Amino acid sequence: MTIEQHGGISLPADRQYMDVLGIRTAFYRAPAEREGQAAKGTLVLLHGGAPGVSAELNWFRNVRALVQAGYDVVAYDQPGFGYSAIPADHGIDFRFQHLAAFLKALGLEAVHLCGNSIGGLLCSLYALRKPEGPEALSLILSAPYPYFDPPSAVGERLLAHRSRLGAIEPTLESIRGLCLNTFNQAACVTDQVVQLRLDMLQGERWGAYKARSSVSREFERSDVMGRKVEVPTLLVWGVEDRSLPYEIGIEAMNHFSRGRFLFLTQSGHWPQTEQAEAFNHAAAGFLRALEGGISG
């Protein structure tokens, strides 16, 4: 993909590949902008699980700011998304196994994790399970899919969201409608965003999306139910989120023992994109506070 193809939507790093659990995995690694100094740490970004998402689409308004804050930033395409290969297993549990293997392959002792939606769920599970590999020092979660039971008040809205996802087609009109649901502000639904999202659903990627749609959203959680995430966590939620309503974020206050919560108006399910300036400022401030020893 060239930058011109999608109107400048890109990440400030070349796309690379590595084999992870037999999956050719695409990733981007942008080094910290700290002349003459070592990076403050590594921040790994996980996109969500909606149709047509990818590392580029979920994080194109964030990577540069996080690099400028002094962090090495890694973003990758999960199996079956973006430029990564299509897996045989489309379940959430396999994507968690892939995350753990990917982080271990990076060869780091510790990382900060940042995830949107299903990516946020994977971050939470990693912090709770502590698999072999880098230690999770902190989490930054953008409207994360919950590892706990969501409040009953949002049940009908969650079902309506899943019904909308099940009705999409790989056409400009359908994907534009999908984007209008993702964002609160119609101005965010640019031709470039719609085209990139559509391109990520062409060919075998459409087959991968349909395969994911036929797999339950359930995942192994007997080992995490009733437990609290203990690592410092920043949770950011859009008040107008029509995918995972903000009431889930309020319930999350009972499940993150060292959490900070930021609710943003005029924002839907991708606050990291729709309210990028506020998100980047909050993320950098949260990480800076950790550097200073303020962790709760």
C-alpha atoms as a PDB file:
ATOM      1  CA  MET A   1       0.000   0.000   0.000  1.00  0.00           C
ATOM      2  CA  THR A   2       1.266   3.468  -0.805  1.00  0.00           C
ATOM      3  CA  ILE A   3       0.319   6.485   1.260  1.00  0.00           C
ATOM      4  CA  GLU A   4      -1.457   7.999  -1.738  1.00  0.00           C
ATOM      5  CA  GLN A   5      -3.845   5.056  -1.989  1.00  0.00           C
ATOM      6  CA  HIS A   6      -5.582   5.988   1.224  1.00  0.00           C
ATOM      7  CA  GLY A   7      -5.039   9.718   1.397  1.00  0.00           C
ATOM      8  CA  GLY A   8      -2.192   9.667   3.902  1.00  0.00           C
ATOM      9  CA  ILE A   9      -3.517   6.991   6.268  1.00  0.00           C
ATOM     10  CA  SER A  10      -0.312   5.227   7.230  1.00  0.00           C
ATOM     11  CA  LEU A  11       2.001   4.544  10.132  1.00  0.00           C
ATOM     12  CA  PRO A  12       5.466   6.138  10.477  1.00  0.00           C
ATOM     13  CA  ALA A  13       7.252   2.821  10.046  1.00  0.00           C
ATOM     14  CA  ASP A  14       7.799   0.213   7.361  1.00  0.00           C
ATOM     15  CA  ARG A  15       5.670  -2.904   7.406  1.00  0.00           C
ATOM     16  CA  GLN A  16       7.599  -5.987   8.529  1.00  0.00           C
ATOM     17  CA  TYR A  17       6.683  -9.637   8.911  1.00  0.00           C
ATOM     18  CA  MET A  18       7.483 -12.458  11.294  1.00  0.00           C
ATOM     19  CA  ASP A  19       6.175 -15.987  11.708  1.00  0.00           C
ATOM     20  CA  VAL A  20       4.071 -16.342  14.873  1.00  0.00           C
ATOM     21  CA  LEU A  21       2.375 -19.695  15.554  1.00  0.00           C
ATOM     22  CA  GLY A  22       2.633 -20.452  11.858  1.00  0.00           C
ATOM     23  CA  ILE A  23       0.929 -17.171  10.896  1.00  0.00           C
ATOM     24  CA  ARG A  24       2.794 -14.685   8.696  1.00  0.00           C
ATOM     25  CA  THR A  25       2.217 -11.674  10.919  1.00  0.00           C
ATOM     26  CA  ALA A  26       2.473  -8.074   9.721  1.00  0.00           C
ATOM     27  CA  PHE A  27       3.749  -5.472  12.159  1.00  0.00           C
ATOM     28  CA  TYR A  28       5.164  -1.961  12.332  1.00  0.00           C
ATOM     29  CA  ARG A  29       7.884  -0.808  14.723  1.00  0.00           C
ATOM     30  CA  ALA A  30       8.491   2.912  15.154  1.00  0.00           C
ATOM     31  CA  PRO A  31      11.451   3.908  17.357  1.00  0.00           C
ATOM     32  CA  ALA A  32      11.149   6.608  19.979  1.00  0.00           C
ATOM     33  CA  GLU A  33      12.121  10.146  19.034  1.00  0.00           C
ATOM     34  CA  ARG A  34      14.612  10.799  21.847  1.00  0.00           C
ATOM     35  CA  GLU A  35      17.862  12.104  20.406  1.00  0.00           C
ATOM     36  CA  GLY A  36      20.803  10.751  22.330  1.00  0.00           C
ATOM     37  CA  GLN A  37      18.600   8.942  24.866  1.00  0.00           C
ATOM     38  CA  ALA A  38      17.166   5.472  25.205  1.00  0.00           C
ATOM     39  CA  ALA A  39      13.461   4.906  24.732  1.00  0.00           C
ATOM     40  CA  LYS A  40      11.325   5.031  27.861  1.00  0.00           C
ATOM     41  CA  GLY A  41       9.905   1.631  27.012  1.00  0.00           C
ATOM     42  CA  THR A  42       7.918  -0.246  24.382  1.00  0.00           C
ATOM     43  CA  LEU A  43       4.218   0.264  23.787  1.00  0.00           C
ATOM     44  CA  VAL A  44       2.390  -2.437  21.792  1.00  0.00           C
ATOM     45  CA  LEU A  45      -0.876  -1.477  20.065  1.00  0.00           C
ATOM     46  CA  LEU A  46      -3.705  -3.971  19.435  1.00  0.00           C
ATOM     47  CA  HIS A  47      -6.519  -3.133  17.021  1.00  0.00           C
ATOM     48  CA  GLY A  48     -10.106  -4.291  17.536  1.00  0.00           C
ATOM     49  CA  GLY A  49     -12.101  -7.077  15.939  1.00  0.00           C
ATOM     50  CA  ALA A  50     -14.643  -5.228  13.774  1.00  0.00           C
ATOM     51  CA  PRO A  51     -14.880  -5.765  10.000  1.00  0.00           C
ATOM     52  CA  GLY A  52     -11.990  -4.212   8.082  1.00  0.00           C
ATOM     53  CA  VAL A  53      -9.888  -3.040  11.009  1.00  0.00           C
ATOM     54  CA  SER A  54      -6.100  -3.163  10.950  1.00  0.00           C
ATOM     55  CA  ALA A  55      -3.111  -1.667  12.718  1.00  0.00           C
ATOM     56  CA  GLU A  56      -3.028   1.216  10.233  1.00  0.00           C
ATOM     57  CA  LEU A  57      -6.718   2.029  10.446  1.00  0.00           C
ATOM     58  CA  ASN A  58      -6.983   1.844  14.236  1.00  0.00           C
ATOM     59  CA  TRP A  59      -3.795   3.732  15.116  1.00  0.00           C
ATOM     60  CA  PHE A  60      -2.886   6.130  12.297  1.00  0.00           C
ATOM     61  CA  ARG A  61      -3.675   9.156  14.489  1.00  0.00           C
ATOM     62  CA  ASN A  62      -1.751   7.911  17.529  1.00  0.00           C
ATOM     63  CA  VAL A  63       1.584   6.288  16.704  1.00  0.00           C
ATOM     64  CA  ARG A  64       3.496   9.458  15.936  1.00  0.00           C
ATOM     65  CA  ALA A  65       2.356  11.183  19.130  1.00  0.00           C
ATOM     66  CA  LEU A  66       3.308   8.164  21.244  1.00  0.00           C
ATOM     67  CA  VAL A  67       6.701   7.958  19.550  1.00  0.00           C
ATOM     68  CA  GLN A  68       7.219  11.650  20.271  1.00  0.00           C
ATOM     69  CA  ALA A  69       6.394  10.932  23.922  1.00  0.00           C
ATOM     70  CA  GLY A  70       9.544   8.805  24.003  1.00  0.00           C
ATOM     71  CA  TYR A  71       8.285   5.260  23.442  1.00  0.00           C
ATOM     72  CA  ASP A  72       9.174   2.606  20.924  1.00  0.00           C
ATOM     73  CA  VAL A  73       5.794   1.739  19.414  1.00  0.00           C
ATOM     74  CA  VAL A  74       4.842  -1.610  17.888  1.00  0.00           C
ATOM     75  CA  ALA A  75       1.509  -2.158  16.119  1.00  0.00           C
ATOM     76  CA  TYR A  76       0.560  -5.442  14.496  1.00  0.00           C
ATOM     77  CA  ASP A  77      -2.215  -7.049  12.464  1.00  0.00           C
ATOM     78  CA  GLN A  78      -3.887  -9.912  14.277  1.00  0.00           C
ATOM     79  CA  PRO A  79      -4.397 -13.210  12.396  1.00  0.00           C
ATOM     80  CA  GLY A  80      -6.872 -12.727   9.559  1.00  0.00           C
ATOM     81  CA  PHE A  81      -6.722  -8.924   9.735  1.00  0.00           C
ATOM     82  CA  GLY A  82      -4.840  -6.370   7.672  1.00  0.00           C
ATOM     83  CA  TYR A  83      -1.779  -7.860   6.030  1.00  0.00           C
ATOM     84  CA  SER A  84      -1.407 -10.886   8.315  1.00  0.00           C
ATOM     85  CA  ALA A  85      -2.164 -14.375   7.015  1.00  0.00           C
ATOM     86  CA  ILE A  86      -5.505 -16.106   7.485  1.00  0.00           C
ATOM     87  CA  PRO A  87      -5.581 -18.589  10.393  1.00  0.00           C
ATOM     88  CA  ALA A  88      -7.459 -21.857  10.651  1.00  0.00           C
ATOM     89  CA  ASP A  89      -8.765 -20.834  14.083  1.00  0.00           C
ATOM     90  CA  HIS A  90     -10.717 -17.553  14.213  1.00  0.00           C
ATOM     91  CA  GLY A  91     -11.602 -17.661  17.899  1.00  0.00           C
ATOM     92  CA  ILE A  92     -10.620 -15.130  20.539  1.00  0.00           C
ATOM     93  CA  ASP A  93      -8.669 -17.755  22.480  1.00  0.00           C
ATOM     94  CA  PHE A  94      -6.357 -18.334  19.506  1.00  0.00           C
ATOM     95  CA  ARG A  95      -5.860 -14.599  19.073  1.00  0.00           C
ATOM     96  CA  PHE A  96      -4.796 -14.444  22.727  1.00  0.00           C
ATOM     97  CA  GLN A  97      -2.313 -17.267  22.173  1.00  0.00           C
ATOM     98  CA  HIS A  98      -1.016 -15.408  19.130  1.00  0.00           C
ATOM     99  CA  LEU A  99      -0.617 -12.197  21.162  1.00  0.00           C
ATOM    100  CA  ALA A 100       1.367 -13.998  23.848  1.00  0.00           C
ATOM    101  CA  ALA A 101       3.610 -15.623  21.223  1.00  0.00           C
ATOM    102  CA  PHE A 102       4.072 -12.327  19.370  1.00  0.00           C
ATOM    103  CA  LEU A 103       5.114 -10.494  22.533  1.00  0.00           C
ATOM    104  CA  LYS A 104       7.519 -13.275  23.457  1.00  0.00           C
ATOM    105  CA  ALA A 105       9.029 -13.122  19.966  1.00  0.00           C
ATOM    106  CA  LEU A 106       9.792  -9.418  20.448  1.00  0.00           C
ATOM    107  CA  GLY A 107      12.389 -10.488  23.021  1.00  0.00           C
ATOM    108  CA  LEU A 108      11.549  -7.809  25.569  1.00  0.00           C
ATOM    109  CA  GLU A 109      11.430  -8.027  29.356  1.00  0.00           C
ATOM    110  CA  ALA A 110       8.435  -5.721  29.746  1.00  0.00           C
ATOM    111  CA  VAL A 111       5.897  -3.802  27.660  1.00  0.00           C
ATOM    112  CA  HIS A 112       3.024  -1.390  27.961  1.00  0.00           C
ATOM    113  CA  LEU A 113      -0.097  -2.648  26.155  1.00  0.00           C
ATOM    114  CA  CYS A 114      -2.702  -0.519  24.405  1.00  0.00           C
ATOM    115  CA  GLY A 115      -5.827  -1.995  22.835  1.00  0.00           C
ATOM    116  CA  ASN A 116      -9.138  -0.977  21.304  1.00  0.00           C
ATOM    117  CA  SER A 117     -12.308  -3.082  21.648  1.00  0.00           C
ATOM    118  CA  ILE A 118     -11.395  -6.798  21.306  1.00  0.00           C
ATOM    119  CA  GLY A 119      -7.757  -5.679  21.373  1.00  0.00           C
ATOM    120  CA  GLY A 120      -8.473  -4.220  24.799  1.00  0.00           C
ATOM    121  CA  LEU A 121      -9.906  -7.551  25.918  1.00  0.00           C
ATOM    122  CA  LEU A 122      -6.707  -9.302  24.821  1.00  0.00           C
ATOM    123  CA  CYS A 123      -4.666  -6.778  26.821  1.00  0.00           C
ATOM    124  CA  SER A 124      -6.792  -7.404  29.924  1.00  0.00           C
ATOM    125  CA  LEU A 125      -6.439 -11.172  29.569  1.00  0.00           C
ATOM    126  CA  TYR A 126      -2.661 -10.848  29.191  1.00  0.00           C
ATOM    127  CA  ALA A 127      -2.405  -8.790  32.381  1.00  0.00           C
ATOM    128  CA  LEU A 128      -4.585 -11.263  34.291  1.00  0.00           C
ATOM    129  CA  ARG A 129      -2.962 -14.473  33.050  1.00  0.00           C
ATOM    130  CA  LYS A 130       0.670 -13.327  32.982  1.00  0.00           C
ATOM    131  CA  PRO A 131       1.850 -15.845  30.369  1.00  0.00           C
ATOM    132  CA  GLU A 132       5.504 -16.548  29.760  1.00  0.00           C
ATOM    133  CA  GLY A 133       6.982 -13.504  28.041  1.00  0.00           C
ATOM    134  CA  PRO A 134       7.257  -9.778  28.692  1.00  0.00           C
ATOM    135  CA  GLU A 135       5.643  -8.385  31.827  1.00  0.00           C
ATOM    136  CA  ALA A 136       2.701  -6.041  31.230  1.00  0.00           C
ATOM    137  CA  LEU A 137       3.689  -2.842  33.025  1.00  0.00           C
ATOM    138  CA  SER A 138       0.471  -0.980  32.244  1.00  0.00           C
ATOM    139  CA  LEU A 139      -2.611  -1.017  30.035  1.00  0.00           C
ATOM    140  CA  ILE A 140      -4.195   1.738  27.966  1.00  0.00           C
ATOM    141  CA  LEU A 141      -7.638   0.554  26.883  1.00  0.00           C
ATOM    142  CA  SER A 142      -9.877   2.282  24.359  1.00  0.00           C
ATOM    143  CA  ALA A 143     -13.471   1.041  24.771  1.00  0.00           C
ATOM    144  CA  PRO A 144     -12.296  -2.504  25.603  1.00  0.00           C
ATOM    145  CA  TYR A 145     -14.552  -5.516  25.162  1.00  0.00           C
ATOM    146  CA  PRO A 146     -15.144  -6.690  28.743  1.00  0.00           C
ATOM    147  CA  TYR A 147     -13.668  -9.830  30.238  1.00  0.00           C
ATOM    148  CA  PHE A 148     -16.440  -9.558  32.862  1.00  0.00           C
ATOM    149  CA  ASP A 149     -20.199  -9.726  32.401  1.00  0.00           C
ATOM    150  CA  PRO A 150     -21.512  -6.429  30.954  1.00  0.00           C
ATOM    151  CA  PRO A 151     -24.395  -4.731  32.781  1.00  0.00           C
ATOM    152  CA  SER A 152     -27.818  -6.065  31.837  1.00  0.00           C
ATOM    153  CA  ALA A 153     -28.944  -2.576  30.834  1.00  0.00           C
ATOM    154  CA  VAL A 154     -26.830  -2.723  27.646  1.00  0.00           C
ATOM    155  CA  GLY A 155     -27.904  -6.189  26.518  1.00  0.00           C
ATOM    156  CA  GLU A 156     -30.325  -5.069  23.798  1.00  0.00           C
ATOM    157  CA  ARG A 157     -27.843  -2.537  22.421  1.00  0.00           C
ATOM    158  CA  LEU A 158     -25.115  -5.176  22.210  1.00  0.00           C
ATOM    159  CA  LEU A 159     -27.445  -7.477  20.294  1.00  0.00           C
ATOM    160  CA  ALA A 160     -28.392  -4.626  17.939  1.00  0.00           C
ATOM    161  CA  HIS A 161     -24.712  -3.927  17.292  1.00  0.00           C
ATOM    162  CA  ARG A 162     -23.996  -7.559  16.436  1.00  0.00           C
ATOM    163  CA  SER A 163     -26.996  -7.586  14.128  1.00  0.00           C
ATOM    164  CA  ARG A 164     -25.633  -4.527  12.287  1.00  0.00           C
ATOM    165  CA  LEU A 165     -22.256  -6.217  11.860  1.00  0.00           C
ATOM    166  CA  GLY A 166     -23.907  -9.321  10.471  1.00  0.00           C
ATOM    167  CA  ALA A 167     -25.645  -7.292   7.757  1.00  0.00           C
ATOM    168  CA  ILE A 168     -22.615  -5.605   6.172  1.00  0.00           C
ATOM    169  CA  GLU A 169     -21.445  -6.249   2.621  1.00  0.00           C
ATOM    170  CA  PRO A 170     -18.062  -5.507   0.983  1.00  0.00           C
ATOM    171  CA  THR A 171     -19.352  -2.373  -0.773  1.00  0.00           C
ATOM    172  CA  LEU A 172     -18.577   1.306  -0.313  1.00  0.00           C
ATOM    173  CA  GLU A 173     -22.146   2.070   0.724  1.00  0.00           C
ATOM    174  CA  SER A 174     -22.251  -0.684   3.331  1.00  0.00           C
ATOM    175  CA  ILE A 175     -18.839   0.135   4.805  1.00  0.00           C
ATOM    176  CA  ARG A 176     -19.650   3.841   4.927  1.00  0.00           C
ATOM    177  CA  GLY A 177     -22.729   2.951   6.971  1.00  0.00           C
ATOM    178  CA  LEU A 178     -20.566   0.811   9.235  1.00  0.00           C
ATOM    179  CA  CYS A 179     -18.158   3.710   9.768  1.00  0.00           C
ATOM    180  CA  LEU A 180     -21.036   6.072  10.556  1.00  0.00           C
ATOM    181  CA  ASN A 181     -21.952   3.693  13.336  1.00  0.00           C
ATOM    182  CA  THR A 182     -18.351   3.447  14.585  1.00  0.00           C
ATOM    183  CA  PHE A 183     -17.926   7.217  14.828  1.00  0.00           C
ATOM    184  CA  ASN A 184     -20.131   9.811  16.449  1.00  0.00           C
ATOM    185  CA  GLN A 185     -18.926  12.639  14.191  1.00  0.00           C
ATOM    186  CA  ALA A 186     -19.764  12.145  10.529  1.00  0.00           C
ATOM    187  CA  ALA A 187     -16.753  14.273   9.586  1.00  0.00           C
ATOM    188  CA  CYS A 188     -14.523  11.385  10.721  1.00  0.00           C
ATOM    189  CA  VAL A 189     -16.010   9.147   8.042  1.00  0.00           C
ATOM    190  CA  THR A 190     -13.712  10.302   5.259  1.00  0.00           C
ATOM    191  CA  ASP A 191     -13.452   8.659   1.860  1.00  0.00           C
ATOM    192  CA  GLN A 192      -9.958   7.520   2.854  1.00  0.00           C
ATOM    193  CA  VAL A 193     -11.160   5.776   6.035  1.00  0.00           C
ATOM    194  CA  VAL A 194     -14.018   4.070   4.187  1.00  0.00           C
ATOM    195  CA  GLN A 195     -11.775   2.962   1.305  1.00  0.00           C
ATOM    196  CA  LEU A 196      -9.081   1.514   3.556  1.00  0.00           C
ATOM    197  CA  ARG A 197     -11.656  -0.353   5.610  1.00  0.00           C
ATOM    198  CA  LEU A 198     -13.245  -1.713   2.442  1.00  0.00           C
ATOM    199  CA  ASP A 199      -9.865  -2.729   1.020  1.00  0.00           C
ATOM    200  CA  MET A 200      -9.205  -4.713   4.203  1.00  0.00           C
ATOM    201  CA  LEU A 201     -12.319  -6.777   3.405  1.00  0.00           C
ATOM    202  CA  GLN A 202     -11.474  -7.757  -0.154  1.00  0.00           C
ATOM    203  CA  GLY A 203     -10.651 -11.243  -1.401  1.00  0.00           C
ATOM    204  CA  GLU A 204      -9.653 -13.757   1.242  1.00  0.00           C
ATOM    205  CA  ARG A 205     -10.069 -11.135   3.955  1.00  0.00           C
ATOM    206  CA  TRP A 206     -13.823 -11.188   3.360  1.00  0.00           C
ATOM    207  CA  GLY A 207     -13.756 -14.937   3.845  1.00  0.00           C
ATOM    208  CA  ALA A 208     -11.811 -14.456   7.073  1.00  0.00           C
ATOM    209  CA  TYR A 209     -14.380 -11.940   8.305  1.00  0.00           C
ATOM    210  CA  LYS A 210     -17.267 -14.303   7.531  1.00  0.00           C
ATOM    211  CA  ALA A 211     -15.444 -17.122   9.316  1.00  0.00           C
ATOM    212  CA  ARG A 212     -14.970 -14.919  12.393  1.00  0.00           C
ATOM    213  CA  SER A 213     -18.642 -13.983  12.278  1.00  0.00           C
ATOM    214  CA  SER A 214     -19.635 -17.636  12.516  1.00  0.00           C
ATOM    215  CA  VAL A 215     -17.480 -18.188  15.610  1.00  0.00           C
ATOM    216  CA  SER A 216     -18.887 -17.418  19.045  1.00  0.00           C
ATOM    217  CA  ARG A 217     -17.578 -14.334  20.834  1.00  0.00           C
ATOM    218  CA  GLU A 218     -17.201 -16.519  23.895  1.00  0.00           C
ATOM    219  CA  PHE A 219     -13.711 -17.221  25.196  1.00  0.00           C
ATOM    220  CA  GLU A 220     -12.180 -19.154  28.057  1.00  0.00           C
ATOM    221  CA  ARG A 221     -12.776 -16.987  31.095  1.00  0.00           C
ATOM    222  CA  SER A 222     -13.200 -19.350  34.012  1.00  0.00           C
ATOM    223  CA  ASP A 223      -9.706 -18.353  35.151  1.00  0.00           C
ATOM    224  CA  VAL A 224     -10.381 -14.599  35.053  1.00  0.00           C
ATOM    225  CA  MET A 225     -13.976 -14.209  36.221  1.00  0.00           C
ATOM    226  CA  GLY A 226     -14.187 -12.483  39.583  1.00  0.00           C
ATOM    227  CA  ARG A 227     -10.604 -11.242  39.373  1.00  0.00           C
ATOM    228  CA  LYS A 228      -9.430  -7.648  39.120  1.00  0.00           C
ATOM    229  CA  VAL A 229      -6.733  -6.351  36.797  1.00  0.00           C
ATOM    230  CA  GLU A 230      -3.961  -5.209  39.121  1.00  0.00           C
ATOM    231  CA  VAL A 231      -1.627  -3.338  36.757  1.00  0.00           C
ATOM    232  CA  PRO A 232      -2.087   0.425  36.294  1.00  0.00           C
ATOM    233  CA  THR A 233      -4.725   0.975  33.618  1.00  0.00           C
ATOM    234  CA  LEU A 234      -6.097   3.956  31.727  1.00  0.00           C
ATOM    235  CA  LEU A 235      -9.565   3.313  30.257  1.00  0.00           C
ATOM    236  CA  VAL A 236     -10.933   5.734  27.658  1.00  0.00           C
ATOM    237  CA  TRP A 237     -14.563   5.534  26.505  1.00  0.00           C
ATOM    238  CA  GLY A 238     -16.671   7.493  24.055  1.00  0.00           C
ATOM    239  CA  VAL A 239     -19.986   8.546  25.598  1.00  0.00           C
ATOM    240  CA  GLU A 240     -21.737   8.032  22.248  1.00  0.00           C
ATOM    241  CA  ASP A 241     -20.305   4.532  21.718  1.00  0.00           C
ATOM    242  CA  ARG A 242     -22.964   2.484  19.893  1.00  0.00           C
ATOM    243  CA  SER A 243     -20.849  -0.683  19.832  1.00  0.00           C
ATOM    244  CA  LEU A 244     -19.847  -1.092  23.483  1.00  0.00           C
ATOM    245  CA  PRO A 245     -21.962   1.428  25.439  1.00  0.00           C
ATOM    246  CA  TYR A 246     -20.196   3.585  28.011  1.00  0.00           C
ATOM    247  CA  GLU A 247     -22.119   1.889  30.838  1.00  0.00           C
ATOM    248  CA  ILE A 248     -19.682  -0.997  30.385  1.00  0.00           C
ATOM    249  CA  GLY A 249     -16.926   1.486  31.226  1.00  0.00           C
ATOM    250  CA  ILE A 250     -18.736   2.430  34.426  1.00  0.00           C
ATOM    251  CA  GLU A 251     -19.037  -1.249  35.374  1.00  0.00           C
ATOM    252  CA  ALA A 252     -15.325  -1.617  34.609  1.00  0.00           C
ATOM    253  CA  MET A 253     -14.599   0.550  37.646  1.00  0.00           C
ATOM    254  CA  ASN A 254     -15.275  -2.582  39.716  1.00  0.00           C
ATOM    255  CA  HIS A 255     -12.751  -4.680  37.805  1.00  0.00           C
ATOM    256  CA  PHE A 256      -9.571  -2.558  37.540  1.00  0.00           C
ATOM    257  CA  SER A 257      -8.022  -1.964  40.937  1.00  0.00           C
ATOM    258  CA  ARG A 258      -5.587   0.714  39.697  1.00  0.00           C
ATOM    259  CA  GLY A 259      -7.709   2.252  36.983  1.00  0.00           C
ATOM    260  CA  ARG A 260      -8.048   5.776  35.655  1.00  0.00           C
ATOM    261  CA  PHE A 261     -11.161   6.517  33.629  1.00  0.00           C
ATOM    262  CA  LEU A 262     -11.702   9.111  30.902  1.00  0.00           C
ATOM    263  CA  PHE A 263     -15.126   9.475  29.283  1.00  0.00           C
ATOM    264  CA  LEU A 264     -15.161  11.618  26.153  1.00  0.00           C
ATOM    265  CA  THR A 265     -18.234  13.243  24.655  1.00  0.00           C
ATOM    266  CA  GLN A 266     -18.544  13.600  20.873  1.00  0.00           C
ATOM    267  CA  SER A 267     -16.900  10.213  20.525  1.00  0.00           C
ATOM    268  CA  GLY A 268     -18.026   6.765  19.437  1.00  0.00           C
ATOM    269  CA  HIS A 269     -16.234   3.421  19.570  1.00  0.00           C
ATOM    270  CA  TRP A 270     -12.809   4.630  18.414  1.00  0.00           C
ATOM    271  CA  PRO A 271     -11.969   7.505  20.787  1.00  0.00           C
ATOM    272  CA  GLN A 272      -8.291   7.068  19.899  1.00  0.00           C
ATOM    273  CA  THR A 273      -9.197   8.251  16.389  1.00  0.00           C
ATOM    274  CA  GLU A 274     -12.193  10.505  16.877  1.00  0.00           C
ATOM    275  CA  GLN A 275     -10.688  12.344  19.863  1.00  0.00           C
ATOM    276  CA  ALA A 276      -7.068  11.664  19.006  1.00  0.00           C
ATOM    277  CA  GLU A 277      -5.639  14.790  20.625  1.00  0.00           C
ATOM    278  CA  ALA A 278      -7.368  14.091  23.938  1.00  0.00           C
ATOM    279  CA  PHE A 279      -6.497  10.392  23.773  1.00  0.00           C
ATOM    280  CA  ASN A 280      -2.827  10.990  22.983  1.00  0.00           C
ATOM    281  CA  HIS A 281      -2.535  13.637  25.699  1.00  0.00           C
ATOM    282  CA  ALA A 282      -4.140  11.350  28.271  1.00  0.00           C
ATOM    283  CA  ALA A 283      -2.019   8.347  27.245  1.00  0.00           C
ATOM    284  CA  ALA A 284       1.236  10.309  27.389  1.00  0.00           C
ATOM    285  CA  GLY A 285       0.265  11.816  30.746  1.00  0.00           C
ATOM    286  CA  PHE A 286      -0.644   8.418  32.157  1.00  0.00           C
ATOM    287  CA  LEU A 287       2.701   6.939  31.093  1.00  0.00           C
ATOM    288  CA  ARG A 288       4.550   9.982  32.397  1.00  0.00           C
ATOM    289  CA  ALA A 289       2.881   9.571  35.782  1.00  0.00           C
ATOM    290  CA  LEU A 290       4.044   5.946  35.887  1.00  0.00           C
ATOM    291  CA  GLU A 291       7.591   7.109  35.219  1.00  0.00           C
ATOM    292  CA  GLY A 292       7.274   9.379  38.242  1.00  0.00           C
ATOM    293  CA  GLY A 293       6.091   6.544  40.453  1.00  0.00           C
ATOM    294  CA  ILE A 294       2.421   7.574  40.546  1.00  0.00           C
ATOM    295  CA  SER A 295       0.715   4.286  39.784  1.00  0.00           C
ATOM    296  CA  GLY A 296      -2.739   4.414  41.321  1.00  0.00           C
END
